[in-house]
Amino acid sequence: MDKPMTDFDKLVSLTDNIKNPKIREFTVEFLKAAPEYFKHVPASSGGRYHPSYCLGEGGLVRHTIAATKILEYILSLDYMKQTFTVLQRDKMISAIMTHDSYKQGLGDTGHTVKEHEVIAKDKINEFLGVEYSHIGQLVLTHMGEWSNNPPKNLAEFLVHLSDYIASRKDIEVNVG
């Protein structure tokens, strides 16, 4: 009998939507190398900022799946296909999939670390190097107006917007 897919497996399977093989491979490897807590912690340690399905065991992964699906729907619009190249869209998808990979910092702190977006950006740049540093920049700005690094262009704003929508308590996304 086949082992059921975990939420983390579901997240990793979404990388199939990334067309660029280098970005797809990076995203898979980066997610697998993320701190172990990423697979287990809730999206919000206090439960104030995310819908109920993103709380509890594995909630952060479910939040990431929801944010990824939201961004993919936005990027599937004809206007977005005319605005962004396939490579740009791939970078945005990779960014949303990895945006909270270091949410509790370098160790399992039990709560969100304020500079988690900086840590994730730095880790991404270590993995990918300068050629794809744009992914790290997209991650750096995902917190929007709640950080020192707000979005400065449409791509950064859409990654932020997808994360923001996925965190609204009254919006549920089928992550199954």
C-alpha atoms as a PDB file:
ATOM      1  CA  MET A   1       0.000   0.000   0.000  1.00  0.00           C
ATOM      2  CA  ASP A   2       1.270   3.474  -0.914  1.00  0.00           C
ATOM      3  CA  LYS A   3       2.226   5.810   1.879  1.00  0.00           C
ATOM      4  CA  PRO A   4      -0.099   8.857   1.870  1.00  0.00           C
ATOM      5  CA  MET A   5       1.412  12.129   0.710  1.00  0.00           C
ATOM      6  CA  THR A   6       2.406  14.453   3.510  1.00  0.00           C
ATOM      7  CA  ASP A   7       1.689  18.172   3.254  1.00  0.00           C
ATOM      8  CA  PHE A   8       5.414  18.677   2.704  1.00  0.00           C
ATOM      9  CA  ASP A   9       5.311  16.200  -0.206  1.00  0.00           C
ATOM     10  CA  LYS A  10       2.373  18.170  -1.634  1.00  0.00           C
ATOM     11  CA  LEU A  11       4.375  21.382  -1.375  1.00  0.00           C
ATOM     12  CA  VAL A  12       7.390  19.846  -3.092  1.00  0.00           C
ATOM     13  CA  SER A  13       5.146  18.465  -5.857  1.00  0.00           C
ATOM     14  CA  LEU A  14       4.097  22.034  -6.701  1.00  0.00           C
ATOM     15  CA  THR A  15       7.630  22.604  -8.001  1.00  0.00           C
ATOM     16  CA  ASP A  16       6.488  20.658 -11.067  1.00  0.00           C
ATOM     17  CA  ASN A  17       4.864  23.939 -12.136  1.00  0.00           C
ATOM     18  CA  ILE A  18       8.283  25.619 -12.355  1.00  0.00           C
ATOM     19  CA  LYS A  19       9.432  25.392 -15.973  1.00  0.00           C
ATOM     20  CA  ASN A  20      13.115  26.307 -15.537  1.00  0.00           C
ATOM     21  CA  PRO A  21      14.962  23.121 -14.496  1.00  0.00           C
ATOM     22  CA  LYS A  22      17.620  24.964 -12.462  1.00  0.00           C
ATOM     23  CA  ILE A  23      15.025  26.929 -10.481  1.00  0.00           C
ATOM     24  CA  ARG A  24      12.873  23.813 -10.010  1.00  0.00           C
ATOM     25  CA  GLU A  25      15.844  21.792  -8.754  1.00  0.00           C
ATOM     26  CA  PHE A  26      16.958  24.629  -6.482  1.00  0.00           C
ATOM     27  CA  THR A  27      13.478  24.964  -4.996  1.00  0.00           C
ATOM     28  CA  VAL A  28      13.198  21.248  -4.247  1.00  0.00           C
ATOM     29  CA  GLU A  29      16.677  21.060  -2.734  1.00  0.00           C
ATOM     30  CA  PHE A  30      16.214  24.269  -0.742  1.00  0.00           C
ATOM     31  CA  LEU A  31      12.920  23.090   0.727  1.00  0.00           C
ATOM     32  CA  LYS A  32      14.475  19.754   1.658  1.00  0.00           C
ATOM     33  CA  ALA A  33      17.422  21.553   3.294  1.00  0.00           C
ATOM     34  CA  ALA A  34      15.219  23.960   5.262  1.00  0.00           C
ATOM     35  CA  PRO A  35      15.244  23.552   9.033  1.00  0.00           C
ATOM     36  CA  GLU A  36      13.277  20.498  10.148  1.00  0.00           C
ATOM     37  CA  TYR A  37      10.842  22.687  12.068  1.00  0.00           C
ATOM     38  CA  PHE A  38       9.585  24.145   8.765  1.00  0.00           C
ATOM     39  CA  LYS A  39       7.708  20.875   8.158  1.00  0.00           C
ATOM     40  CA  HIS A  40       6.075  20.817  11.581  1.00  0.00           C
ATOM     41  CA  VAL A  41       5.359  24.235  13.082  1.00  0.00           C
ATOM     42  CA  PRO A  42       2.143  26.239  12.740  1.00  0.00           C
ATOM     43  CA  ALA A  43       2.135  29.255  10.436  1.00  0.00           C
ATOM     44  CA  SER A  44       1.415  31.463  13.430  1.00  0.00           C
ATOM     45  CA  SER A  45       2.724  30.456  16.847  1.00  0.00           C
ATOM     46  CA  GLY A  46       0.061  32.536  18.591  1.00  0.00           C
ATOM     47  CA  GLY A  47      -2.718  31.766  16.108  1.00  0.00           C
ATOM     48  CA  ARG A  48      -3.514  35.425  15.490  1.00  0.00           C
ATOM     49  CA  TYR A  49      -2.430  35.851  11.892  1.00  0.00           C
ATOM     50  CA  HIS A  50      -3.475  32.774   9.925  1.00  0.00           C
ATOM     51  CA  PRO A  51      -6.620  30.731   9.250  1.00  0.00           C
ATOM     52  CA  SER A  52      -7.293  27.676  11.393  1.00  0.00           C
ATOM     53  CA  TYR A  53      -6.072  25.164   8.780  1.00  0.00           C
ATOM     54  CA  CYS A  54      -2.623  26.797   8.971  1.00  0.00           C
ATOM     55  CA  LEU A  55      -2.349  26.247  12.698  1.00  0.00           C
ATOM     56  CA  GLY A  56      -1.138  23.132  14.473  1.00  0.00           C
ATOM     57  CA  GLU A  57       1.276  20.499  13.193  1.00  0.00           C
ATOM     58  CA  GLY A  58       2.423  21.333   9.650  1.00  0.00           C
ATOM     59  CA  GLY A  59       0.483  24.585   9.464  1.00  0.00           C
ATOM     60  CA  LEU A  60       3.391  26.552   8.003  1.00  0.00           C
ATOM     61  CA  VAL A  61       3.660  24.118   5.103  1.00  0.00           C
ATOM     62  CA  ARG A  62      -0.106  24.354   4.491  1.00  0.00           C
ATOM     63  CA  HIS A  63       0.162  28.157   4.518  1.00  0.00           C
ATOM     64  CA  THR A  64       2.986  27.926   1.985  1.00  0.00           C
ATOM     65  CA  ILE A  65       0.907  25.651  -0.252  1.00  0.00           C
ATOM     66  CA  ALA A  66      -1.989  28.126  -0.071  1.00  0.00           C
ATOM     67  CA  ALA A  67       0.248  31.109  -0.877  1.00  0.00           C
ATOM     68  CA  THR A  68       1.775  29.192  -3.794  1.00  0.00           C
ATOM     69  CA  LYS A  69      -1.622  28.294  -5.225  1.00  0.00           C
ATOM     70  CA  ILE A  70      -2.816  31.889  -4.902  1.00  0.00           C
ATOM     71  CA  LEU A  71       0.258  33.209  -6.707  1.00  0.00           C
ATOM     72  CA  GLU A  72      -0.058  30.575  -9.437  1.00  0.00           C
ATOM     73  CA  TYR A  73      -3.667  31.625 -10.062  1.00  0.00           C
ATOM     74  CA  ILE A  74      -2.638  35.270 -10.285  1.00  0.00           C
ATOM     75  CA  LEU A  75       0.255  34.474 -12.633  1.00  0.00           C
ATOM     76  CA  SER A  76      -2.005  32.379 -14.895  1.00  0.00           C
ATOM     77  CA  LEU A  77      -3.955  35.474 -15.938  1.00  0.00           C
ATOM     78  CA  ASP A  78      -3.261  36.597 -19.508  1.00  0.00           C
ATOM     79  CA  TYR A  79      -2.180  40.033 -18.288  1.00  0.00           C
ATOM     80  CA  MET A  80       0.462  38.455 -16.063  1.00  0.00           C
ATOM     81  CA  LYS A  81       1.678  36.222 -18.874  1.00  0.00           C
ATOM     82  CA  GLN A  82       2.146  39.373 -20.968  1.00  0.00           C
ATOM     83  CA  THR A  83       3.786  41.242 -18.088  1.00  0.00           C
ATOM     84  CA  PHE A  84       6.247  38.587 -16.874  1.00  0.00           C
ATOM     85  CA  THR A  85       8.411  36.111 -18.749  1.00  0.00           C
ATOM     86  CA  VAL A  86       8.244  32.418 -17.860  1.00  0.00           C
ATOM     87  CA  LEU A  87      11.576  32.803 -16.063  1.00  0.00           C
ATOM     88  CA  GLN A  88      10.266  35.721 -14.001  1.00  0.00           C
ATOM     89  CA  ARG A  89       7.139  33.766 -13.074  1.00  0.00           C
ATOM     90  CA  ASP A  90       9.294  30.763 -12.101  1.00  0.00           C
ATOM     91  CA  LYS A  91      11.367  32.965  -9.800  1.00  0.00           C
ATOM     92  CA  MET A  92       8.219  34.315  -8.163  1.00  0.00           C
ATOM     93  CA  ILE A  93       6.850  30.803  -7.580  1.00  0.00           C
ATOM     94  CA  SER A  94      10.172  29.682  -6.137  1.00  0.00           C
ATOM     95  CA  ALA A  95      10.182  32.727  -3.856  1.00  0.00           C
ATOM     96  CA  ILE A  96       6.705  32.106  -2.471  1.00  0.00           C
ATOM     97  CA  MET A  97       7.531  28.445  -1.903  1.00  0.00           C
ATOM     98  CA  THR A  98      10.619  29.342   0.116  1.00  0.00           C
ATOM     99  CA  HIS A  99       9.529  32.632   1.727  1.00  0.00           C
ATOM    100  CA  ASP A 100       8.940  31.270   5.249  1.00  0.00           C
ATOM    101  CA  SER A 101      11.510  28.476   5.213  1.00  0.00           C
ATOM    102  CA  TYR A 102      13.433  30.176   8.031  1.00  0.00           C
ATOM    103  CA  LYS A 103      10.426  31.674   9.818  1.00  0.00           C
ATOM    104  CA  GLN A 104      11.782  30.696  13.231  1.00  0.00           C
ATOM    105  CA  GLY A 105      15.336  31.606  12.297  1.00  0.00           C
ATOM    106  CA  LEU A 106      18.266  29.226  12.284  1.00  0.00           C
ATOM    107  CA  GLY A 107      16.868  27.161  15.146  1.00  0.00           C
ATOM    108  CA  ASP A 108      13.428  26.181  16.382  1.00  0.00           C
ATOM    109  CA  THR A 109      12.686  29.227  18.543  1.00  0.00           C
ATOM    110  CA  GLY A 110       8.968  28.517  18.918  1.00  0.00           C
ATOM    111  CA  HIS A 111       8.047  31.861  17.388  1.00  0.00           C
ATOM    112  CA  THR A 112       8.527  33.957  14.272  1.00  0.00           C
ATOM    113  CA  VAL A 113      11.907  35.653  14.080  1.00  0.00           C
ATOM    114  CA  LYS A 114      11.534  39.247  12.952  1.00  0.00           C
ATOM    115  CA  GLU A 115      14.406  39.024  10.459  1.00  0.00           C
ATOM    116  CA  HIS A 116      13.331  35.643   9.000  1.00  0.00           C
ATOM    117  CA  GLU A 117      13.043  37.120   5.506  1.00  0.00           C
ATOM    118  CA  VAL A 118      16.657  38.342   5.663  1.00  0.00           C
ATOM    119  CA  ILE A 119      17.881  34.928   6.832  1.00  0.00           C
ATOM    120  CA  ALA A 120      15.947  33.167   4.046  1.00  0.00           C
ATOM    121  CA  LYS A 121      17.251  35.613   1.420  1.00  0.00           C
ATOM    122  CA  ASP A 122      20.830  35.063   2.563  1.00  0.00           C
ATOM    123  CA  LYS A 123      20.393  31.269   2.530  1.00  0.00           C
ATOM    124  CA  ILE A 124      18.855  31.417  -0.954  1.00  0.00           C
ATOM    125  CA  ASN A 125      21.730  33.532  -2.248  1.00  0.00           C
ATOM    126  CA  GLU A 126      24.209  31.033  -0.762  1.00  0.00           C
ATOM    127  CA  PHE A 127      22.421  28.225  -2.600  1.00  0.00           C
ATOM    128  CA  LEU A 128      21.944  29.965  -5.941  1.00  0.00           C
ATOM    129  CA  GLY A 129      24.512  32.698  -6.222  1.00  0.00           C
ATOM    130  CA  VAL A 130      24.217  36.026  -8.025  1.00  0.00           C
ATOM    131  CA  GLU A 131      22.570  34.700 -11.193  1.00  0.00           C
ATOM    132  CA  TYR A 132      19.285  34.069  -9.377  1.00  0.00           C
ATOM    133  CA  SER A 133      19.566  36.577  -6.533  1.00  0.00           C
ATOM    134  CA  HIS A 134      16.215  37.976  -7.670  1.00  0.00           C
ATOM    135  CA  ILE A 135      14.542  35.043  -5.865  1.00  0.00           C
ATOM    136  CA  GLY A 136      16.176  36.125  -2.611  1.00  0.00           C
ATOM    137  CA  GLN A 137      15.045  39.705  -3.215  1.00  0.00           C
ATOM    138  CA  LEU A 138      11.449  38.512  -3.728  1.00  0.00           C
ATOM    139  CA  VAL A 139      11.654  36.634  -0.415  1.00  0.00           C
ATOM    140  CA  LEU A 140      13.181  39.650   1.324  1.00  0.00           C
ATOM    141  CA  THR A 141      10.141  41.803   0.466  1.00  0.00           C
ATOM    142  CA  HIS A 142       7.394  39.254   1.174  1.00  0.00           C
ATOM    143  CA  MET A 143       6.412  40.902   4.481  1.00  0.00           C
ATOM    144  CA  GLY A 144       5.323  44.065   2.681  1.00  0.00           C
ATOM    145  CA  GLU A 145       4.507  47.033   4.865  1.00  0.00           C
ATOM    146  CA  TRP A 146       5.325  45.034   8.006  1.00  0.00           C
ATOM    147  CA  SER A 147       9.056  44.996   7.341  1.00  0.00           C
ATOM    148  CA  ASN A 148      11.943  47.295   6.581  1.00  0.00           C
ATOM    149  CA  ASN A 149      11.987  45.879   3.031  1.00  0.00           C
ATOM    150  CA  PRO A 150       8.638  46.671   1.375  1.00  0.00           C
ATOM    151  CA  PRO A 151       8.006  45.664  -2.244  1.00  0.00           C
ATOM    152  CA  LYS A 152       9.368  48.052  -4.856  1.00  0.00           C
ATOM    153  CA  ASN A 153       7.945  46.503  -8.021  1.00  0.00           C
ATOM    154  CA  LEU A 154       5.016  44.426  -9.231  1.00  0.00           C
ATOM    155  CA  ALA A 155       6.756  41.049  -8.891  1.00  0.00           C
ATOM    156  CA  GLU A 156       7.707  41.755  -5.274  1.00  0.00           C
ATOM    157  CA  PHE A 157       4.205  43.049  -4.555  1.00  0.00           C
ATOM    158  CA  LEU A 158       2.544  39.929  -5.990  1.00  0.00           C
ATOM    159  CA  VAL A 159       4.671  37.619  -3.833  1.00  0.00           C
ATOM    160  CA  HIS A 160       3.747  39.752  -0.824  1.00  0.00           C
ATOM    161  CA  LEU A 161       0.072  39.848  -1.837  1.00  0.00           C
ATOM    162  CA  SER A 162      -0.094  36.056  -2.185  1.00  0.00           C
ATOM    163  CA  ASP A 163       1.417  35.612   1.272  1.00  0.00           C
ATOM    164  CA  TYR A 164      -0.934  38.248   2.687  1.00  0.00           C
ATOM    165  CA  ILE A 165      -4.077  36.669   1.194  1.00  0.00           C
ATOM    166  CA  ALA A 166      -2.996  33.206   2.394  1.00  0.00           C
ATOM    167  CA  SER A 167      -2.647  34.568   5.919  1.00  0.00           C
ATOM    168  CA  ARG A 168      -6.156  36.043   6.183  1.00  0.00           C
ATOM    169  CA  LYS A 169      -8.163  34.272   8.863  1.00  0.00           C
ATOM    170  CA  ASP A 170     -11.404  34.359   6.830  1.00  0.00           C
ATOM    171  CA  ILE A 171      -9.996  32.911   3.586  1.00  0.00           C
ATOM    172  CA  GLU A 172      -9.486  29.179   3.212  1.00  0.00           C
ATOM    173  CA  VAL A 173      -7.625  27.490   0.366  1.00  0.00           C
ATOM    174  CA  ASN A 174      -8.020  23.797  -0.325  1.00  0.00           C
ATOM    175  CA  VAL A 175      -4.456  22.595   0.178  1.00  0.00           C
ATOM    176  CA  GLY A 176      -5.424  18.933  -0.087  1.00  0.00           C
END
